[in-house]
């Protein structure tokens, strides 16, 4: 007969019960469950076995992990009003609804500490999966802590899914659903260079974001392939916002006014850049060409319609949810597996959508 304790036979198990059964201190159990502190693999396995045996949960929501209740997926997004990753969230939610799952949405506000805290909170809430959307923060402590949370989620029967960002380093039980970010930037920069532009203002995004780093790397590779010198003085880092696009172009028109094209990190940034060019009396694309990235509905609503990189955001969301569902159902997951360990890396393609915002350079500066 199962030794699992239930609320009907002995009341809900406490953290002290777990510590006593595992032969460790309450503090050690807390460290294992929080995922915030390094612990030995042997200690983690011993504590998590007792957690499962006693059906210990930190709150009632976590009981879904024991096999009851409706599975819940937590979608964590930088900004819920951001058009691109709102489409990923839509894909996750629609795929979850088809399976009868619930969806929760939390916002991180570009704050790595808040993101880590939300991942930990969702683990405590007992969600079936945590889906993190958007660029990651490229510093070591963040990577290490996120890897610990991924292992803690996995030990508790949950799973971490990273969407639109690189996989975590090392042997980490997390699924990554990515797109060819750098390849899309390379293709777009090549399109602008092939039109004859050589002085190109580049607005890749926040310098600490892996997304922006990939887009800048792709642009650099295109310049190298075309034998065109890349001028770091024409790079302006900043947020993926309309305001940054406007301010960056306005400043560049005073500091380096000889650019004939703008390579914007997103369609929203491109919209701000477009308005700044118009405010300066310049025409797009007659005087300055401009391109974006994402292919959100805004791109085809601008005048002129924006040439941009199409990213299959909604499909990425559906793939992310299916990967979690497949793991729970034991049927494997779609896409190709890259690297070793427990991580799975699924990569979707991107492509350039040619519209009306690029033509050969004509402006004399």
Protein backbone atom coordinates (compact mmCIF):
# COMPACT_ATOMS: atom_id res chain seq x y z
CA UNK A 1 0.00 0.00 0.00
CA UNK A 2 1.23 3.50 -0.78
CA UNK A 3 2.92 5.34 2.06
CA UNK A 4 1.80 8.71 0.68
CA UNK A 5 0.18 10.81 3.35
CA UNK A 6 -3.06 12.59 2.58
CA UNK A 7 -4.99 15.38 4.25
CA UNK A 8 -7.79 12.95 5.08
CA UNK A 9 -5.73 10.51 7.14
CA UNK A 10 -3.29 12.66 9.06
CA UNK A 11 -3.77 16.29 8.16
CA UNK A 12 -1.56 18.25 5.84
CA UNK A 13 2.15 17.49 6.16
CA UNK A 14 4.35 20.33 7.41
CA UNK A 15 7.91 21.30 6.57
CA UNK A 16 8.93 19.86 9.96
CA UNK A 17 7.44 16.50 8.94
CA UNK A 18 9.55 16.58 5.79
CA UNK A 19 12.71 17.48 7.71
CA UNK A 20 12.15 14.73 10.29
CA UNK A 21 11.47 12.03 7.67
CA UNK A 22 14.49 13.10 5.58
CA UNK A 23 16.76 13.35 8.63
CA UNK A 24 17.78 16.94 7.91
CA UNK A 25 17.10 20.37 9.35
CA UNK A 26 14.08 22.51 8.49
CA UNK A 27 16.53 25.05 7.03
CA UNK A 28 17.92 22.41 4.67
CA UNK A 29 14.42 21.54 3.44
CA UNK A 30 13.69 25.23 2.93
CA UNK A 31 16.86 25.65 0.87
CA UNK A 32 15.97 22.73 -1.38
CA UNK A 33 12.41 23.94 -1.91
CA UNK A 34 13.31 27.59 -2.50
CA UNK A 35 15.90 26.85 -5.18
CA UNK A 36 17.78 29.98 -4.10
CA UNK A 37 20.77 28.23 -2.51
CA UNK A 38 23.23 25.64 -3.77
CA UNK A 39 22.62 22.19 -2.25
CA UNK A 40 24.09 18.79 -2.98
CA UNK A 41 22.32 16.56 -5.45
CA UNK A 42 22.05 13.82 -2.82
CA UNK A 43 20.31 16.20 -0.38
CA UNK A 44 17.96 17.48 -3.05
CA UNK A 45 16.94 13.96 -4.09
CA UNK A 46 16.41 12.83 -0.48
CA UNK A 47 14.25 15.83 0.40
CA UNK A 48 12.20 15.72 -2.81
CA UNK A 49 11.50 12.00 -2.32
CA UNK A 50 10.04 12.76 1.12
CA UNK A 51 8.11 15.71 -0.32
CA UNK A 52 6.47 13.32 -2.78
CA UNK A 53 5.95 10.55 -0.19
CA UNK A 54 4.23 12.93 2.24
CA UNK A 55 2.38 14.81 -0.50
CA UNK A 56 3.85 17.97 1.01
CA UNK A 57 2.75 21.19 -0.64
CA UNK A 58 3.39 24.80 0.32
CA UNK A 59 -0.18 25.73 -0.58
CA UNK A 60 -3.37 24.21 -1.94
CA UNK A 61 -2.61 25.16 -5.56
CA UNK A 62 0.36 22.79 -5.64
CA UNK A 63 -1.91 19.76 -5.26
CA UNK A 64 -2.30 19.67 -9.03
CA UNK A 65 1.24 18.23 -9.14
CA UNK A 66 0.06 15.15 -7.27
CA UNK A 67 -2.20 14.34 -10.19
CA UNK A 68 -5.38 16.16 -9.21
CA UNK A 69 -6.83 19.46 -10.31
CA UNK A 70 -6.47 21.33 -13.56
CA UNK A 71 -2.91 21.80 -14.87
CA UNK A 72 -1.87 25.45 -14.95
CA UNK A 73 0.79 27.09 -17.10
CA UNK A 74 2.38 30.35 -15.94
CA UNK A 75 3.34 32.78 -18.72
CA UNK A 76 5.92 35.35 -17.59
CA UNK A 77 6.39 38.29 -19.93
CA UNK A 78 8.36 41.53 -19.75
CA UNK A 79 5.45 43.80 -20.74
CA UNK A 80 1.94 42.54 -21.34
CA UNK A 81 1.31 45.44 -23.75
CA UNK A 82 4.29 44.49 -25.95
CA UNK A 83 2.83 43.37 -29.26
CA UNK A 84 5.41 40.72 -30.23
CA UNK A 85 5.41 38.51 -27.15
CA UNK A 86 1.72 39.08 -26.56
CA UNK A 87 1.35 36.89 -29.66
CA UNK A 88 3.50 34.19 -28.01
CA UNK A 89 1.28 34.36 -24.93
CA UNK A 90 -1.74 34.02 -27.19
CA UNK A 91 -0.24 30.88 -28.73
CA UNK A 92 0.47 29.36 -25.31
CA UNK A 93 -3.00 30.20 -24.03
CA UNK A 94 -4.83 28.88 -27.09
CA UNK A 95 -2.92 25.58 -26.98
CA UNK A 96 -3.53 25.33 -23.22
CA UNK A 97 -7.27 25.92 -23.68
CA UNK A 98 -7.47 23.09 -26.21
CA UNK A 99 -6.13 20.76 -23.51
CA UNK A 100 -8.35 22.12 -20.76
CA UNK A 101 -5.42 23.78 -18.96
CA UNK A 102 -5.52 27.13 -17.17
CA UNK A 103 -3.15 30.00 -17.96
CA UNK A 104 -1.70 32.63 -15.64
CA UNK A 105 0.17 35.72 -16.84
CA UNK A 106 2.75 37.68 -14.85
CA UNK A 107 4.90 40.65 -15.89
CA UNK A 108 8.60 41.05 -15.09
CA UNK A 109 9.11 44.68 -16.13
CA UNK A 110 12.67 44.15 -17.45
CA UNK A 111 13.78 43.35 -13.89
CA UNK A 112 15.90 40.18 -13.51
CA UNK A 113 15.22 39.98 -9.76
CA UNK A 114 11.47 40.18 -10.31
CA UNK A 115 11.70 37.54 -13.03
CA UNK A 116 13.57 35.15 -10.74
CA UNK A 117 11.14 35.85 -7.89
CA UNK A 118 8.14 35.11 -10.12
CA UNK A 119 9.65 31.83 -11.32
CA UNK A 120 10.13 30.81 -7.69
CA UNK A 121 6.59 31.90 -6.78
CA UNK A 122 5.10 29.90 -9.65
CA UNK A 123 7.09 26.87 -8.51
CA UNK A 124 5.57 27.26 -5.05
CA UNK A 125 2.12 27.58 -6.62
CA UNK A 126 2.60 24.17 -8.23
CA UNK A 127 2.09 25.10 -11.88
CA UNK A 128 2.59 22.45 -14.54
CA UNK A 129 5.02 24.71 -16.38
CA UNK A 130 6.61 28.15 -16.29
CA UNK A 131 6.97 29.73 -19.74
CA UNK A 132 9.44 32.64 -19.84
CA UNK A 133 9.09 34.94 -22.84
CA UNK A 134 11.65 37.31 -24.35
CA UNK A 135 15.35 38.08 -24.11
CA UNK A 136 17.40 36.85 -21.17
CA UNK A 137 19.82 38.80 -19.01
CA UNK A 138 23.37 37.90 -19.93
CA UNK A 139 25.19 37.73 -16.61
CA UNK A 140 26.47 34.73 -14.66
CA UNK A 141 24.52 35.01 -11.38
CA UNK A 142 21.22 35.23 -13.26
CA UNK A 143 22.09 32.14 -15.31
CA UNK A 144 23.07 30.14 -12.23
CA UNK A 145 19.95 31.02 -10.25
CA UNK A 146 17.64 30.32 -13.18
CA UNK A 147 19.32 26.93 -13.65
CA UNK A 148 18.66 26.12 -9.98
CA UNK A 149 15.00 27.06 -10.38
CA UNK A 150 14.77 24.85 -13.48
CA UNK A 151 16.09 21.88 -11.49
CA UNK A 152 13.76 22.65 -8.59
CA UNK A 153 10.77 22.83 -10.95
CA UNK A 154 11.79 19.54 -12.53
CA UNK A 155 12.12 17.83 -9.13
CA UNK A 156 8.61 19.01 -8.23
CA UNK A 157 7.09 17.62 -11.44
CA UNK A 158 6.94 20.97 -13.23
CA UNK A 159 8.99 22.27 -16.16
CA UNK A 160 10.69 25.47 -17.31
CA UNK A 161 10.24 26.59 -20.93
CA UNK A 162 12.29 29.45 -22.37
CA UNK A 163 10.78 31.16 -25.42
CA UNK A 164 12.66 33.59 -27.64
CA UNK A 165 15.91 33.34 -25.69
CA UNK A 166 19.01 31.11 -25.69
CA UNK A 167 19.07 27.93 -23.62
CA UNK A 168 20.59 27.98 -20.15
CA UNK A 169 24.21 26.90 -19.97
CA UNK A 170 25.14 23.39 -18.90
CA UNK A 171 22.99 20.36 -18.10
CA UNK A 172 19.66 22.00 -17.24
CA UNK A 173 16.18 20.37 -17.46
CA UNK A 174 14.50 23.12 -19.47
CA UNK A 175 13.01 23.33 -22.95
CA UNK A 176 14.00 26.21 -25.21
CA UNK A 177 11.71 27.31 -28.06
CA UNK A 178 13.72 29.83 -30.05
CA UNK A 179 13.77 31.44 -33.47
CA UNK A 180 16.65 32.25 -35.80
CA UNK A 181 17.19 35.71 -34.33
CA UNK A 182 20.69 36.34 -35.63
CA UNK A 183 19.83 34.83 -39.03
CA UNK A 184 16.86 37.15 -39.38
CA UNK A 185 19.03 40.19 -38.61
CA UNK A 186 21.65 38.98 -41.08
CA UNK A 187 19.03 38.60 -43.81
CA UNK A 188 17.53 42.02 -43.11
CA UNK A 189 20.88 43.83 -43.03
CA UNK A 190 21.83 42.03 -46.26
CA UNK A 191 18.60 43.28 -47.87
CA UNK A 192 19.44 46.88 -46.95
CA UNK A 193 23.09 46.54 -48.04
CA UNK A 194 22.05 44.98 -51.35
CA UNK A 195 19.98 48.10 -52.03
CA UNK A 196 23.22 50.09 -51.93
CA UNK A 197 23.17 51.52 -48.41
CA UNK A 198 26.48 51.77 -46.59
CA UNK A 199 25.85 54.20 -43.72
CA UNK A 200 23.17 52.43 -41.69
CA UNK A 201 21.94 53.49 -38.26
CA UNK A 202 21.47 50.34 -36.14
CA UNK A 203 19.03 50.28 -33.19
CA UNK A 204 19.37 46.67 -31.92
CA UNK A 205 17.75 47.05 -28.46
CA UNK A 206 19.02 46.97 -24.86
CA UNK A 207 22.72 46.10 -24.78
CA UNK A 208 22.31 43.61 -21.90
CA UNK A 209 19.60 41.59 -23.70
CA UNK A 210 20.59 38.45 -25.59
CA UNK A 211 17.97 39.34 -28.22
CA UNK A 212 19.68 42.64 -28.99
CA UNK A 213 23.11 41.02 -28.98
CA UNK A 214 21.96 38.45 -31.55
CA UNK A 215 20.46 41.11 -33.83
CA UNK A 216 23.61 43.22 -33.66
CA UNK A 217 25.77 40.16 -34.38
CA UNK A 218 23.63 39.30 -37.39
CA UNK A 219 23.97 42.83 -38.78
CA UNK A 220 27.74 42.77 -38.27
CA UNK A 221 28.01 39.47 -40.15
CA UNK A 222 26.12 40.96 -43.09
CA UNK A 223 28.46 43.96 -43.25
CA UNK A 224 31.41 41.59 -43.22
CA UNK A 225 29.89 39.44 -45.96
CA UNK A 226 29.38 42.53 -48.15
CA UNK A 227 32.87 43.86 -47.42
CA UNK A 228 31.44 47.03 -45.88
CA UNK A 229 33.12 48.55 -42.79
CA UNK A 230 30.86 48.43 -39.74
CA UNK A 231 30.82 51.70 -37.81
CA UNK A 232 30.11 51.19 -34.06
CA UNK A 233 29.37 54.93 -33.92
CA UNK A 234 26.13 54.26 -35.80
CA UNK A 235 24.84 51.83 -33.12
CA UNK A 236 22.36 53.21 -30.58
CA UNK A 237 21.27 50.85 -27.77
CA UNK A 238 18.02 51.42 -25.93
CA UNK A 239 14.64 49.96 -25.06
CA UNK A 240 12.33 48.29 -27.58
CA UNK A 241 10.02 51.30 -27.51
CA UNK A 242 8.57 53.94 -29.82
CA UNK A 243 10.21 56.60 -27.65
CA UNK A 244 13.69 55.12 -28.07
CA UNK A 245 13.26 54.90 -31.86
CA UNK A 246 12.28 58.56 -32.01
CA UNK A 247 14.99 59.82 -29.65
CA UNK A 248 17.78 57.73 -31.22
CA UNK A 249 17.06 59.01 -34.73
CA UNK A 250 16.64 62.58 -33.51
CA UNK A 251 20.04 62.41 -31.81
CA UNK A 252 21.70 60.68 -34.77
CA UNK A 253 20.51 63.42 -37.14
CA UNK A 254 22.61 65.85 -35.08
CA UNK A 255 25.62 63.62 -34.36
CA UNK A 256 26.01 61.37 -37.46
CA UNK A 257 23.59 62.75 -40.07
CA UNK A 258 25.09 60.93 -43.06
CA UNK A 259 23.12 57.69 -42.54
CA UNK A 260 20.78 56.69 -45.37
CA UNK A 261 18.99 53.78 -43.69
CA UNK A 262 17.78 52.69 -40.26
CA UNK A 263 17.94 49.07 -39.08
CA UNK A 264 15.47 49.03 -36.18
CA UNK A 265 15.44 46.25 -33.56
CA UNK A 266 11.63 45.99 -33.60
CA UNK A 267 8.70 47.32 -35.62
CA UNK A 268 7.72 49.54 -32.68
CA UNK A 269 11.21 51.09 -32.62
CA UNK A 270 10.93 51.54 -36.39
CA UNK A 271 7.63 53.42 -35.95
CA UNK A 272 9.30 55.89 -33.59
CA UNK A 273 12.24 56.29 -35.96
CA UNK A 274 9.87 56.91 -38.87
CA UNK A 275 8.11 59.70 -36.99
CA UNK A 276 11.43 61.34 -36.05
CA UNK A 277 12.51 61.34 -39.69
CA UNK A 278 9.24 62.95 -40.73
CA UNK A 279 9.55 65.58 -37.99
CA UNK A 280 12.96 66.46 -39.47
CA UNK A 281 11.42 66.91 -42.93
CA UNK A 282 12.81 63.67 -44.36
CA UNK A 283 10.80 61.24 -46.49
CA UNK A 284 10.75 57.44 -46.14
CA UNK A 285 12.00 55.75 -48.25
CA UNK A 286 12.96 58.58 -50.65
CA UNK A 287 15.48 60.17 -48.27
CA UNK A 288 16.03 57.44 -45.68
CA UNK A 289 15.09 53.77 -45.83
CA UNK A 290 13.91 52.01 -42.68
CA UNK A 291 13.32 48.39 -41.70
CA UNK A 292 11.99 46.65 -38.60
CA UNK A 293 11.91 43.26 -36.91
CA UNK A 294 8.97 41.09 -35.69
CA UNK A 295 6.29 41.60 -38.39
CA UNK A 296 3.56 42.54 -35.93
CA UNK A 297 0.32 43.98 -37.43
CA UNK A 298 1.69 47.51 -36.98
CA UNK A 299 4.27 46.87 -39.73
CA UNK A 300 1.63 46.69 -42.46
CA UNK A 301 -0.36 49.59 -40.97
CA UNK A 302 2.42 52.17 -41.21
CA UNK A 303 2.86 54.46 -44.20
CA UNK A 304 4.88 53.34 -46.03
CA UNK A 305 4.32 49.71 -45.10
CA UNK A 306 7.37 48.43 -43.27
CA UNK A 307 9.86 45.91 -44.61
CA UNK A 308 10.59 43.66 -41.63
CA UNK A 309 11.61 40.22 -40.35
CA UNK A 310 8.76 37.82 -39.74
CA UNK A 311 9.01 35.88 -36.45
CA UNK A 312 6.44 33.07 -35.91
CA UNK A 313 5.56 34.25 -32.40
CA UNK A 314 2.15 32.63 -32.03
CA UNK A 315 3.44 29.30 -33.34
CA UNK A 316 6.32 29.48 -30.83
CA UNK A 317 3.74 29.71 -28.05
CA UNK A 318 1.83 26.70 -29.34
CA UNK A 319 5.05 24.69 -29.69
CA UNK A 320 6.05 25.62 -26.13
CA UNK A 321 2.80 24.34 -24.65
CA UNK A 322 2.85 21.18 -26.76
CA UNK A 323 6.40 20.45 -25.57
CA UNK A 324 5.23 20.59 -21.93
CA UNK A 325 2.12 18.53 -22.62
CA UNK A 326 4.17 15.89 -24.45
CA UNK A 327 6.53 15.57 -21.50
CA UNK A 328 3.63 15.10 -19.08
CA UNK A 329 2.04 12.52 -21.36
CA UNK A 330 5.33 10.75 -21.98
CA UNK A 331 5.10 11.07 -25.77
CA UNK A 332 8.30 12.95 -26.41
CA UNK A 333 8.40 16.38 -28.00
CA UNK A 334 8.53 17.82 -31.47
CA UNK A 335 11.49 19.45 -33.12
CA UNK A 336 15.12 18.46 -32.98
CA UNK A 337 17.12 17.93 -29.80
CA UNK A 338 20.36 19.91 -29.61
CA UNK A 339 23.19 19.22 -27.21
CA UNK A 340 23.21 16.83 -24.31
CA UNK A 341 21.61 16.63 -20.90
CA UNK A 342 17.95 17.17 -20.17
CA UNK A 343 17.62 20.39 -22.20
CA UNK A 344 15.79 20.50 -25.49
CA UNK A 345 16.30 23.28 -28.01
CA UNK A 346 13.65 23.84 -30.71
CA UNK A 347 14.40 26.48 -33.34
CA UNK A 348 11.84 28.03 -35.72
CA UNK A 349 12.77 29.93 -38.86
CA UNK A 350 12.48 33.63 -39.73
CA UNK A 351 12.28 35.43 -43.07
CA UNK A 352 12.29 38.92 -44.53
CA UNK A 353 8.94 40.41 -45.56
CA UNK A 354 9.59 42.97 -48.30
CA UNK A 355 7.20 45.94 -48.37
CA UNK A 356 7.65 49.59 -49.27
CA UNK A 357 10.17 51.16 -46.88
CA UNK A 358 13.47 50.46 -48.67
CA UNK A 359 14.94 51.89 -51.86
CA UNK A 360 18.47 52.72 -53.06
CA UNK A 361 20.05 55.73 -51.32
CA UNK A 362 19.36 59.11 -52.92
CA UNK A 363 19.83 61.66 -50.12
CA UNK A 364 22.83 63.98 -50.33
CA UNK A 365 24.10 64.97 -46.87
